[in-house]
Each structure stands twice: as C-alpha cells, then as structure tokens.
C-alpha cells in the first residue's frame, strides 16, 4: 500500500522535474542564441 502511494507521488514528481529541466535548458539555449546575435550586430 505504501509503495503504491509512493509510486503515485514519485512519477508526477519525475515528470514535473523533467519538464522544468527541459524548459530551463531550452530557455538557456535560446538566451545564449540571442546574446550571440546581439554580440555579432
């Protein structure tokens, strides 16, 4: 019973964590790209 509850909590946390990491990486790359373009101009 306890393990089942733990899995129900753990999976959404993992998914949420992956979304945050993915969004952070994408936004960071986009920011680096913008900074490079501004530096070139």
N, C-alpha and C. Protein backbone atom coordinates (compact mmCIF):
# COMPACT_ATOMS: atom_id res chain seq x y z
N UNK A 1 0.84 -1.21 0.00
CA UNK A 1 0.00 0.00 0.00
C UNK A 1 0.88 1.26 0.00
N UNK A 2 1.86 1.25 0.87
CA UNK A 2 2.73 2.43 0.96
C UNK A 2 3.51 2.62 -0.34
N UNK A 3 4.02 1.51 -0.91
CA UNK A 3 4.78 1.60 -2.15
C UNK A 3 3.92 2.15 -3.29
N UNK A 4 2.64 1.75 -3.31
CA UNK A 4 1.75 2.22 -4.37
C UNK A 4 1.57 3.73 -4.29
N UNK A 5 1.40 4.24 -3.07
CA UNK A 5 1.25 5.68 -2.88
C UNK A 5 2.56 6.39 -3.28
N UNK A 6 3.68 5.79 -2.89
CA UNK A 6 4.98 6.38 -3.22
C UNK A 6 5.17 6.50 -4.72
N UNK A 7 4.78 5.46 -5.46
CA UNK A 7 4.90 5.48 -6.92
C UNK A 7 3.99 6.55 -7.51
N UNK A 8 2.79 6.67 -6.96
CA UNK A 8 1.85 7.68 -7.48
C UNK A 8 2.37 9.09 -7.26
N UNK A 9 3.15 9.27 -6.20
CA UNK A 9 3.73 10.60 -5.94
C UNK A 9 5.02 10.78 -6.75
N UNK A 10 5.81 9.70 -6.84
CA UNK A 10 7.13 9.79 -7.46
C UNK A 10 7.05 10.07 -8.96
N UNK A 11 6.16 9.40 -9.66
CA UNK A 11 6.07 9.55 -11.11
C UNK A 11 5.73 10.99 -11.52
N UNK A 12 4.70 11.61 -10.94
CA UNK A 12 4.43 13.01 -11.28
C UNK A 12 5.59 13.93 -10.95
N UNK A 13 6.29 13.65 -9.84
CA UNK A 13 7.44 14.47 -9.48
C UNK A 13 8.54 14.34 -10.52
N UNK A 14 8.79 13.12 -10.99
CA UNK A 14 9.81 12.91 -12.02
C UNK A 14 9.43 13.63 -13.31
N UNK A 15 8.17 13.50 -13.71
CA UNK A 15 7.69 14.16 -14.93
C UNK A 15 7.83 15.67 -14.78
N UNK A 16 7.40 16.19 -13.63
CA UNK A 16 7.47 17.63 -13.37
C UNK A 16 8.92 18.11 -13.41
N UNK A 17 9.80 17.31 -12.79
CA UNK A 17 11.22 17.66 -12.78
C UNK A 17 11.80 17.70 -14.19
N UNK A 18 11.44 16.70 -15.01
CA UNK A 18 11.95 16.65 -16.38
C UNK A 18 11.45 17.86 -17.18
N UNK A 19 10.18 18.26 -16.94
CA UNK A 19 9.62 19.42 -17.65
C UNK A 19 10.40 20.67 -17.28
N UNK A 20 10.69 20.82 -15.97
CA UNK A 20 11.42 22.01 -15.51
C UNK A 20 12.82 22.03 -16.12
N UNK A 21 13.51 20.88 -16.07
CA UNK A 21 14.87 20.80 -16.63
C UNK A 21 14.85 21.10 -18.12
N UNK A 22 13.90 20.49 -18.84
CA UNK A 22 13.79 20.70 -20.28
C UNK A 22 13.52 22.15 -20.62
N UNK A 23 12.60 22.76 -19.89
CA UNK A 23 12.27 24.16 -20.14
C UNK A 23 13.46 25.05 -19.83
N UNK A 24 14.19 24.72 -18.76
CA UNK A 24 15.36 25.52 -18.38
C UNK A 24 16.44 25.44 -19.45
N UNK A 25 16.70 24.23 -19.94
CA UNK A 25 17.74 24.03 -20.97
C UNK A 25 17.36 24.77 -22.25
N UNK A 26 16.10 24.64 -22.67
CA UNK A 26 15.64 25.28 -23.90
C UNK A 26 15.73 26.80 -23.77
N UNK A 27 15.27 27.35 -22.65
CA UNK A 27 15.29 28.79 -22.45
C UNK A 27 16.74 29.28 -22.37
N UNK A 28 17.61 28.48 -21.75
CA UNK A 28 19.02 28.86 -21.63
C UNK A 28 19.67 28.90 -23.01
N UNK A 29 19.39 27.89 -23.84
CA UNK A 29 19.95 27.87 -25.20
C UNK A 29 19.42 29.04 -26.02
N UNK A 30 18.13 29.34 -25.88
CA UNK A 30 17.54 30.46 -26.61
C UNK A 30 18.20 31.76 -26.17
N UNK A 31 18.44 31.89 -24.87
CA UNK A 31 19.07 33.10 -24.34
C UNK A 31 20.49 33.24 -24.88
N UNK A 32 21.24 32.14 -24.89
CA UNK A 32 22.61 32.16 -25.43
C UNK A 32 22.59 32.58 -26.91
N UNK A 33 21.61 32.07 -27.65
CA UNK A 33 21.49 32.38 -29.07
C UNK A 33 21.24 33.87 -29.26
N UNK A 34 20.36 34.42 -28.46
CA UNK A 34 20.04 35.86 -28.54
C UNK A 34 21.28 36.69 -28.21
N UNK A 35 21.99 36.28 -27.15
CA UNK A 35 23.18 37.02 -26.76
C UNK A 35 24.24 36.98 -27.86
N UNK A 36 24.40 35.83 -28.52
CA UNK A 36 25.37 35.71 -29.61
C UNK A 36 24.99 36.63 -30.77
N UNK A 37 23.70 36.66 -31.09
CA UNK A 37 23.25 37.50 -32.21
C UNK A 37 23.48 38.98 -31.89
N UNK A 38 23.21 39.36 -30.64
CA UNK A 38 23.41 40.76 -30.25
C UNK A 38 24.89 41.12 -30.30
N UNK A 39 25.74 40.17 -29.91
CA UNK A 39 27.18 40.41 -29.91
C UNK A 39 27.69 40.59 -31.34
N UNK A 40 27.11 39.87 -32.30
CA UNK A 40 27.54 39.95 -33.69
C UNK A 40 27.12 41.27 -34.34
N UNK A 41 26.01 41.81 -33.92
CA UNK A 41 25.50 43.02 -34.58
C UNK A 41 26.32 44.26 -34.26
